[in-house]
Amino acid sequence: MGRSSTDCSHLGHGPATHRLHPQGPAVIDSAFTSVTFVALNSALDGLSMRQRVIADNIANVQTPGFRAGRVSFEASLAEAVREGTGAVTPTVARSLEPGRPDGNNVNLDTETLSAIETNLRYQLATRAVDGTFEKLRIAMRTS
């Protein structure tokens, strides 16, 4: 005996109660456009850019006249979250801090510590994004 396309009694639901949920795509779309998700992605973008700039700084530690780059986005990200958008574009600025006589101001110890801190922050943000995806998977299984 065949079942109609809306009969999901085999899933513990009665007829017409388990359909392609019209709200499903909207729920998924809203999860990916939520301020939290957008902010996490902005943070990942900023942290990724920071790692690239740190690597560039370290690679140029012996280059005369090289000025260390700094990536900033945290203050504008916090403001974007308060405003309800969560989206920011990280910016890179060259450090004006005094340097060595050759004009280079890269401090290897500072860069190494920044790389470690940035890596830890990136891991935390990645875990938060993974948690968002896990919640979506659970929601899709239970709907």
N, C-alpha and C. Protein backbone atom coordinates (compact mmCIF):
# COMPACT_ATOMS: atom_id res chain seq x y z
N MET A 1 0.85 -1.18 0.00
CA MET A 1 0.00 0.00 0.00
C MET A 1 0.89 1.23 0.00
N GLY A 2 0.72 2.11 -0.95
CA GLY A 2 1.56 3.29 -1.07
C GLY A 2 1.10 4.42 -0.17
N ARG A 3 2.01 5.31 0.09
CA ARG A 3 1.70 6.48 0.91
C ARG A 3 1.62 7.71 0.01
N SER A 4 0.80 8.65 0.40
CA SER A 4 0.78 9.91 -0.34
C SER A 4 2.04 10.69 0.01
N SER A 5 2.34 11.70 -0.78
CA SER A 5 3.56 12.47 -0.54
C SER A 5 3.51 13.22 0.78
N THR A 6 2.31 13.38 1.35
CA THR A 6 2.22 14.08 2.62
C THR A 6 2.00 13.15 3.79
N ASP A 7 1.90 11.85 3.54
CA ASP A 7 1.70 10.88 4.61
C ASP A 7 3.06 10.45 5.15
N CYS A 8 3.34 10.92 6.33
CA CYS A 8 4.63 10.59 6.94
C CYS A 8 4.43 9.82 8.23
N SER A 9 3.39 8.98 8.25
CA SER A 9 3.11 8.21 9.45
C SER A 9 4.28 7.31 9.82
N HIS A 10 5.06 6.91 8.81
CA HIS A 10 6.23 6.07 9.08
C HIS A 10 7.30 6.84 9.86
N LEU A 11 7.18 8.17 9.90
CA LEU A 11 8.12 8.99 10.66
C LEU A 11 7.55 9.42 12.00
N GLY A 12 6.37 8.89 12.33
CA GLY A 12 5.75 9.26 13.59
C GLY A 12 4.85 10.48 13.46
N HIS A 13 4.66 10.95 12.23
CA HIS A 13 3.79 12.09 11.97
C HIS A 13 2.56 11.58 11.25
N GLY A 14 1.47 12.26 11.43
CA GLY A 14 0.27 11.91 10.70
C GLY A 14 0.34 12.47 9.29
N PRO A 15 -0.68 12.16 8.49
CA PRO A 15 -0.72 12.70 7.13
C PRO A 15 -0.67 14.23 7.15
N ALA A 16 0.02 14.79 6.19
CA ALA A 16 0.09 16.23 5.94
C ALA A 16 0.76 17.03 7.05
N THR A 17 1.40 16.38 8.00
CA THR A 17 2.07 17.16 9.04
C THR A 17 3.57 17.27 8.82
N HIS A 18 4.10 16.47 7.93
CA HIS A 18 5.54 16.53 7.67
C HIS A 18 5.74 16.78 6.18
N ARG A 19 5.88 18.02 5.84
CA ARG A 19 6.08 18.42 4.45
C ARG A 19 7.43 19.10 4.34
N LEU A 20 7.75 19.44 3.14
CA LEU A 20 8.91 20.31 2.98
C LEU A 20 8.53 21.60 3.68
N HIS A 21 9.20 21.88 4.75
CA HIS A 21 8.82 23.03 5.56
C HIS A 21 9.08 24.32 4.81
N PRO A 22 8.02 25.05 4.49
CA PRO A 22 8.21 26.29 3.75
C PRO A 22 9.05 27.29 4.53
N GLN A 23 9.07 27.17 5.85
CA GLN A 23 9.88 28.07 6.65
C GLN A 23 11.33 27.63 6.71
N GLY A 24 11.62 26.39 6.33
CA GLY A 24 12.98 25.86 6.40
C GLY A 24 14.00 26.73 5.73
N PRO A 25 13.83 27.05 4.43
CA PRO A 25 14.81 27.92 3.77
C PRO A 25 14.92 29.28 4.44
N ALA A 26 13.80 29.82 4.91
CA ALA A 26 13.84 31.13 5.57
C ALA A 26 14.63 31.06 6.86
N VAL A 27 14.45 29.97 7.61
CA VAL A 27 15.20 29.80 8.85
C VAL A 27 16.68 29.70 8.55
N ILE A 28 17.03 28.93 7.54
CA ILE A 28 18.43 28.78 7.16
C ILE A 28 18.99 30.11 6.68
N ASP A 29 18.24 30.81 5.83
CA ASP A 29 18.70 32.12 5.35
C ASP A 29 18.91 33.08 6.51
N SER A 30 17.97 33.09 7.47
CA SER A 30 18.11 34.02 8.59
C SER A 30 19.30 33.66 9.46
N ALA A 31 19.64 32.38 9.54
CA ALA A 31 20.81 31.99 10.32
C ALA A 31 22.09 32.53 9.70
N PHE A 32 22.14 32.52 8.36
CA PHE A 32 23.35 32.98 7.67
C PHE A 32 23.41 34.49 7.55
N THR A 33 22.31 35.17 7.79
CA THR A 33 22.31 36.63 7.72
C THR A 33 22.17 37.25 9.10
N SER A 34 22.14 36.44 10.15
CA SER A 34 22.02 36.98 11.50
C SER A 34 23.26 37.81 11.83
N VAL A 35 23.08 38.77 12.71
CA VAL A 35 24.19 39.63 13.11
C VAL A 35 25.33 38.80 13.67
N THR A 36 25.02 37.78 14.45
CA THR A 36 26.06 36.95 15.04
C THR A 36 26.87 36.25 13.98
N PHE A 37 26.20 35.63 13.02
CA PHE A 37 26.92 34.90 11.97
C PHE A 37 27.74 35.85 11.10
N VAL A 38 27.16 36.98 10.74
CA VAL A 38 27.88 37.97 9.92
C VAL A 38 29.09 38.50 10.70
N ALA A 39 28.90 38.77 11.99
CA ALA A 39 30.01 39.27 12.81
C ALA A 39 31.11 38.23 12.94
N LEU A 40 30.75 36.97 13.11
CA LEU A 40 31.76 35.92 13.19
C LEU A 40 32.54 35.82 11.89
N ASN A 41 31.86 35.91 10.77
CA ASN A 41 32.56 35.87 9.49
C ASN A 41 33.45 37.09 9.30
N SER A 42 32.99 38.25 9.74
CA SER A 42 33.83 39.45 9.67
C SER A 42 35.06 39.28 10.55
N ALA A 43 34.87 38.70 11.73
CA ALA A 43 36.01 38.46 12.62
C ALA A 43 37.00 37.49 11.99
N LEU A 44 36.49 36.43 11.38
CA LEU A 44 37.38 35.47 10.71
C LEU A 44 38.15 36.14 9.57
N ASP A 45 37.48 36.99 8.81
CA ASP A 45 38.16 37.71 7.73
C ASP A 45 39.25 38.62 8.29
N GLY A 46 38.92 39.35 9.35
CA GLY A 46 39.90 40.25 9.96
C GLY A 46 41.08 39.51 10.55
N LEU A 47 40.81 38.41 11.22
CA LEU A 47 41.89 37.62 11.82
C LEU A 47 42.76 36.97 10.76
N SER A 48 42.15 36.52 9.69
CA SER A 48 42.91 35.94 8.59
C SER A 48 43.83 36.99 7.95
N MET A 49 43.28 38.18 7.74
CA MET A 49 44.09 39.26 7.20
C MET A 49 45.23 39.60 8.15
N ARG A 50 44.93 39.61 9.46
CA ARG A 50 45.97 39.92 10.45
C ARG A 50 47.09 38.89 10.38
N GLN A 51 46.75 37.62 10.24
CA GLN A 51 47.79 36.58 10.14
C GLN A 51 48.67 36.82 8.91
N ARG A 52 48.06 37.20 7.79
CA ARG A 52 48.85 37.47 6.58
C ARG A 52 49.78 38.66 6.78
N VAL A 53 49.29 39.70 7.44
CA VAL A 53 50.11 40.89 7.67
C VAL A 53 51.24 40.57 8.64
N ILE A 54 50.96 39.79 9.67
CA ILE A 54 52.01 39.37 10.61
C ILE A 54 53.07 38.57 9.88
N ALA A 55 52.65 37.66 9.02
CA ALA A 55 53.61 36.86 8.24
C ALA A 55 54.46 37.77 7.36
N ASP A 56 53.84 38.77 6.76
CA ASP A 56 54.57 39.73 5.93
C ASP A 56 55.57 40.52 6.79
N ASN A 57 55.14 40.93 7.98
CA ASN A 57 56.04 41.65 8.89
C ASN A 57 57.26 40.79 9.22
N ILE A 58 57.02 39.54 9.58
CA ILE A 58 58.12 38.64 9.95
C ILE A 58 59.04 38.41 8.76
N ALA A 59 58.46 38.24 7.59
CA ALA A 59 59.27 38.01 6.39
C ALA A 59 60.16 39.20 6.08
N ASN A 60 59.76 40.39 6.52
CA ASN A 60 60.53 41.60 6.22
C ASN A 60 61.28 42.15 7.42
N VAL A 61 61.52 41.31 8.42
CA VAL A 61 62.18 41.77 9.64
C VAL A 61 63.57 42.38 9.37
N GLN A 62 64.23 41.97 8.31
CA GLN A 62 65.56 42.49 7.98
C GLN A 62 65.55 43.47 6.80
N THR A 63 64.38 43.85 6.33
CA THR A 63 64.29 44.75 5.18
C THR A 63 64.41 46.20 5.65
N PRO A 64 65.47 46.91 5.24
CA PRO A 64 65.63 48.31 5.65
C PRO A 64 64.43 49.16 5.21
N GLY A 65 63.97 50.00 6.12
CA GLY A 65 62.87 50.90 5.83
C GLY A 65 61.49 50.29 5.91
N PHE A 66 61.39 48.99 6.12
CA PHE A 66 60.07 48.34 6.19
C PHE A 66 59.37 48.75 7.48
N ARG A 67 58.11 49.11 7.35
CA ARG A 67 57.28 49.48 8.50
C ARG A 67 56.25 48.37 8.73
N ALA A 68 56.16 47.92 9.96
CA ALA A 68 55.22 46.84 10.31
C ALA A 68 53.79 47.26 10.02
N GLY A 69 53.02 46.32 9.51
CA GLY A 69 51.60 46.55 9.28
C GLY A 69 50.79 46.13 10.48
N ARG A 70 49.68 46.78 10.69
CA ARG A 70 48.75 46.43 11.76
C ARG A 70 47.35 46.37 11.18
N VAL A 71 46.62 45.32 11.53
CA VAL A 71 45.24 45.17 11.07
C VAL A 71 44.32 45.52 12.23
N SER A 72 43.36 46.38 11.95
CA SER A 72 42.39 46.72 13.00
C SER A 72 40.98 46.51 12.47
N PHE A 73 40.16 45.95 13.32
CA PHE A 73 38.75 45.75 12.97
C PHE A 73 37.88 45.58 14.20
N GLU A 74 38.48 45.30 15.36
CA GLU A 74 37.67 44.97 16.55
C GLU A 74 36.74 46.10 16.98
N ALA A 75 37.23 47.33 17.01
CA ALA A 75 36.39 48.45 17.44
C ALA A 75 35.23 48.66 16.47
N SER A 76 35.52 48.61 15.17
CA SER A 76 34.44 48.80 14.19
C SER A 76 33.49 47.60 14.19
N LEU A 77 34.00 46.41 14.49
CA LEU A 77 33.13 45.23 14.58
C LEU A 77 32.18 45.35 15.76
N ALA A 78 32.70 45.79 16.90
CA ALA A 78 31.84 45.98 18.08
C ALA A 78 30.75 47.01 17.78
N GLU A 79 31.11 48.09 17.09
CA GLU A 79 30.13 49.11 16.71
C GLU A 79 29.10 48.54 15.73
N ALA A 80 29.55 47.75 14.76
CA ALA A 80 28.64 47.15 13.78
C ALA A 80 27.65 46.21 14.46
N VAL A 81 28.11 45.47 15.45
CA VAL A 81 27.22 44.56 16.19
C VAL A 81 26.19 45.39 16.96
N ARG A 82 26.64 46.46 17.60
CA ARG A 82 25.70 47.33 18.33
C ARG A 82 24.65 47.92 17.38
N GLU A 83 25.07 48.24 16.16
CA GLU A 83 24.15 48.82 15.18
C GLU A 83 23.27 47.77 14.51
N GLY A 84 23.60 46.49 14.72
CA GLY A 84 22.78 45.42 14.18
C GLY A 84 23.19 44.92 12.82
N THR A 85 24.39 45.28 12.35
CA THR A 85 24.83 44.78 11.04
C THR A 85 25.85 43.67 11.17
N GLY A 86 26.89 43.89 11.95
CA GLY A 86 27.92 42.87 12.15
C GLY A 86 28.97 42.81 11.06
N ALA A 87 28.77 43.53 9.96
CA ALA A 87 29.71 43.46 8.85
C ALA A 87 30.71 44.61 8.91
N VAL A 88 31.98 44.26 8.79
CA VAL A 88 33.04 45.26 8.74
C VAL A 88 34.10 44.82 7.74
N THR A 89 34.89 45.79 7.32
CA THR A 89 36.03 45.51 6.46
C THR A 89 37.28 45.86 7.24
N PRO A 90 38.15 44.89 7.47
CA PRO A 90 39.38 45.20 8.22
C PRO A 90 40.28 46.14 7.43
N THR A 91 41.04 46.94 8.15
CA THR A 91 41.96 47.86 7.50
C THR A 91 43.39 47.57 7.94
N VAL A 92 44.32 47.86 7.05
CA VAL A 92 45.74 47.69 7.34
C VAL A 92 46.38 49.06 7.36
N ALA A 93 47.10 49.34 8.43
CA ALA A 93 47.84 50.60 8.53
C ALA A 93 49.29 50.27 8.85
N ARG A 94 50.19 51.06 8.34
CA ARG A 94 51.61 50.89 8.65
C ARG A 94 51.90 51.58 9.97
N SER A 95 52.66 50.91 10.81
CA SER A 95 53.00 51.41 12.13
C SER A 95 53.91 52.63 12.01
N LEU A 96 53.65 53.62 12.83
CA LEU A 96 54.48 54.82 12.87
C LEU A 96 55.46 54.77 14.03
N GLU A 97 55.48 53.65 14.75
CA GLU A 97 56.39 53.51 15.88
C GLU A 97 57.83 53.64 15.39
N PRO A 98 58.67 54.24 16.23
CA PRO A 98 60.08 54.35 15.83
C PRO A 98 60.70 52.97 15.68
N GLY A 99 61.68 52.91 14.84
CA GLY A 99 62.32 51.62 14.59
C GLY A 99 63.82 51.70 14.79
N ARG A 100 64.48 50.79 14.17
CA ARG A 100 65.94 50.72 14.23
C ARG A 100 66.54 51.81 13.35
N PRO A 101 67.84 51.99 13.44
CA PRO A 101 68.49 53.00 12.59
C PRO A 101 68.26 52.78 11.09
N ASP A 102 68.01 51.53 10.66
CA ASP A 102 67.77 51.28 9.23
C ASP A 102 66.32 51.59 8.82
N GLY A 103 65.50 52.08 9.77
CA GLY A 103 64.13 52.45 9.46
C GLY A 103 63.11 51.34 9.62
N ASN A 104 63.55 50.13 9.86
CA ASN A 104 62.65 48.99 10.05
C ASN A 104 62.16 49.00 11.49
N ASN A 105 60.87 48.83 11.69
CA ASN A 105 60.34 48.82 13.06
C ASN A 105 59.67 47.50 13.44
N VAL A 106 59.98 46.42 12.73
CA VAL A 106 59.41 45.11 13.06
C VAL A 106 60.13 44.54 14.27
N ASN A 107 59.35 44.16 15.28
CA ASN A 107 59.88 43.52 16.47
C ASN A 107 59.44 42.06 16.42
N LEU A 108 60.39 41.16 16.26
CA LEU A 108 60.07 39.74 16.09
C LEU A 108 59.30 39.17 17.27
N ASP A 109 59.66 39.58 18.50
CA ASP A 109 58.93 39.09 19.68
C ASP A 109 57.47 39.54 19.65
N THR A 110 57.25 40.79 19.33
CA THR A 110 55.88 41.32 19.25
C THR A 110 55.08 40.60 18.18
N GLU A 111 55.69 40.38 17.04
CA GLU A 111 55.00 39.70 15.93
C GLU A 111 54.67 38.26 16.29
N THR A 112 55.59 37.58 16.95
CA THR A 112 55.37 36.19 17.34
C THR A 112 54.20 36.09 18.32
N LEU A 113 54.18 36.98 19.31
CA LEU A 113 53.07 36.97 20.28
C LEU A 113 51.75 37.32 19.59
N SER A 114 51.79 38.27 18.68
CA SER A 114 50.57 38.63 17.94
C SER A 114 50.06 37.46 17.11
N ALA A 115 50.98 36.71 16.52
CA ALA A 115 50.59 35.54 15.71
C ALA A 115 49.91 34.49 16.59
N ILE A 116 50.45 34.27 17.76
CA ILE A 116 49.87 33.28 18.68
C ILE A 116 48.48 33.73 19.12
N GLU A 117 48.35 34.98 19.53
CA GLU A 117 47.06 35.50 19.98
C GLU A 117 46.03 35.45 18.85
N THR A 118 46.45 35.84 17.66
CA THR A 118 45.54 35.84 16.51
C THR A 118 45.09 34.42 16.18
N ASN A 119 46.00 33.48 16.25
CA ASN A 119 45.66 32.08 16.00
C ASN A 119 44.62 31.58 17.01
N LEU A 120 44.80 31.90 18.28
CA LEU A 120 43.84 31.48 19.30
C LEU A 120 42.47 32.11 19.07
N ARG A 121 42.45 33.39 18.73
CA ARG A 121 41.18 34.06 18.45
C ARG A 121 40.49 33.45 17.23
N TYR A 122 41.28 33.11 16.22
CA TYR A 122 40.72 32.49 15.02
C TYR A 122 40.09 31.14 15.36
N GLN A 123 40.79 30.35 16.19
CA GLN A 123 40.25 29.05 16.60
C GLN A 123 38.93 29.22 17.35
N LEU A 124 38.85 30.21 18.24
CA LEU A 124 37.61 30.45 18.98
C LEU A 124 36.47 30.85 18.05
N ALA A 125 36.76 31.74 17.11
CA ALA A 125 35.73 32.17 16.16
C ALA A 125 35.27 31.01 15.29
N THR A 126 36.22 30.16 14.89
CA THR A 126 35.88 28.99 14.08
C THR A 126 34.97 28.05 14.86
N ARG A 127 35.26 27.86 16.13
CA ARG A 127 34.40 27.01 16.96
C ARG A 127 33.00 27.59 17.09
N ALA A 128 32.91 28.90 17.19
CA ALA A 128 31.60 29.53 17.28
C ALA A 128 30.81 29.33 15.99
N VAL A 129 31.48 29.45 14.84
CA VAL A 129 30.81 29.21 13.56
C VAL A 129 30.38 27.75 13.48
N ASP A 130 31.26 26.84 13.89
CA ASP A 130 30.91 25.42 13.90
C ASP A 130 29.68 25.17 14.77
N GLY A 131 29.59 25.86 15.91
CA GLY A 131 28.44 25.72 16.78
C GLY A 131 27.16 26.19 16.10
N THR A 132 27.26 27.25 15.31
CA THR A 132 26.10 27.74 14.56
C THR A 132 25.65 26.69 13.55
N PHE A 133 26.61 26.09 12.84
CA PHE A 133 26.26 25.05 11.87
C PHE A 133 25.65 23.84 12.57
N GLU A 134 26.18 23.49 13.73
CA GLU A 134 25.64 22.34 14.46
C GLU A 134 24.19 22.60 14.88
N LYS A 135 23.90 23.82 15.32
CA LYS A 135 22.52 24.16 15.69
C LYS A 135 21.61 24.05 14.47
N LEU A 136 22.09 24.48 13.31
CA LEU A 136 21.29 24.36 12.09
C LEU A 136 21.05 22.89 11.73
N ARG A 137 22.08 22.06 11.87
CA ARG A 137 21.91 20.63 11.58
C ARG A 137 20.87 20.02 12.51
N ILE A 138 20.93 20.36 13.78
CA ILE A 138 19.96 19.84 14.74
C ILE A 138 18.56 20.33 14.40
N ALA A 139 18.44 21.61 14.06
CA ALA A 139 17.13 22.16 13.71
C ALA A 139 16.56 21.49 12.47
N MET A 140 17.41 21.19 11.50
CA MET A 140 16.92 20.54 10.28
C MET A 140 16.50 19.11 10.55
N ARG A 141 17.19 18.43 11.47
CA ARG A 141 16.82 17.05 11.79
C ARG A 141 15.52 16.98 12.57
N THR A 142 15.25 17.99 13.40
CA THR A 142 14.07 17.94 14.25
C THR A 142 12.85 18.57 13.61
N SER A 143 13.04 19.24 12.48
CA SER A 143 11.87 19.87 11.85
C SER A 143 11.21 18.95 10.85
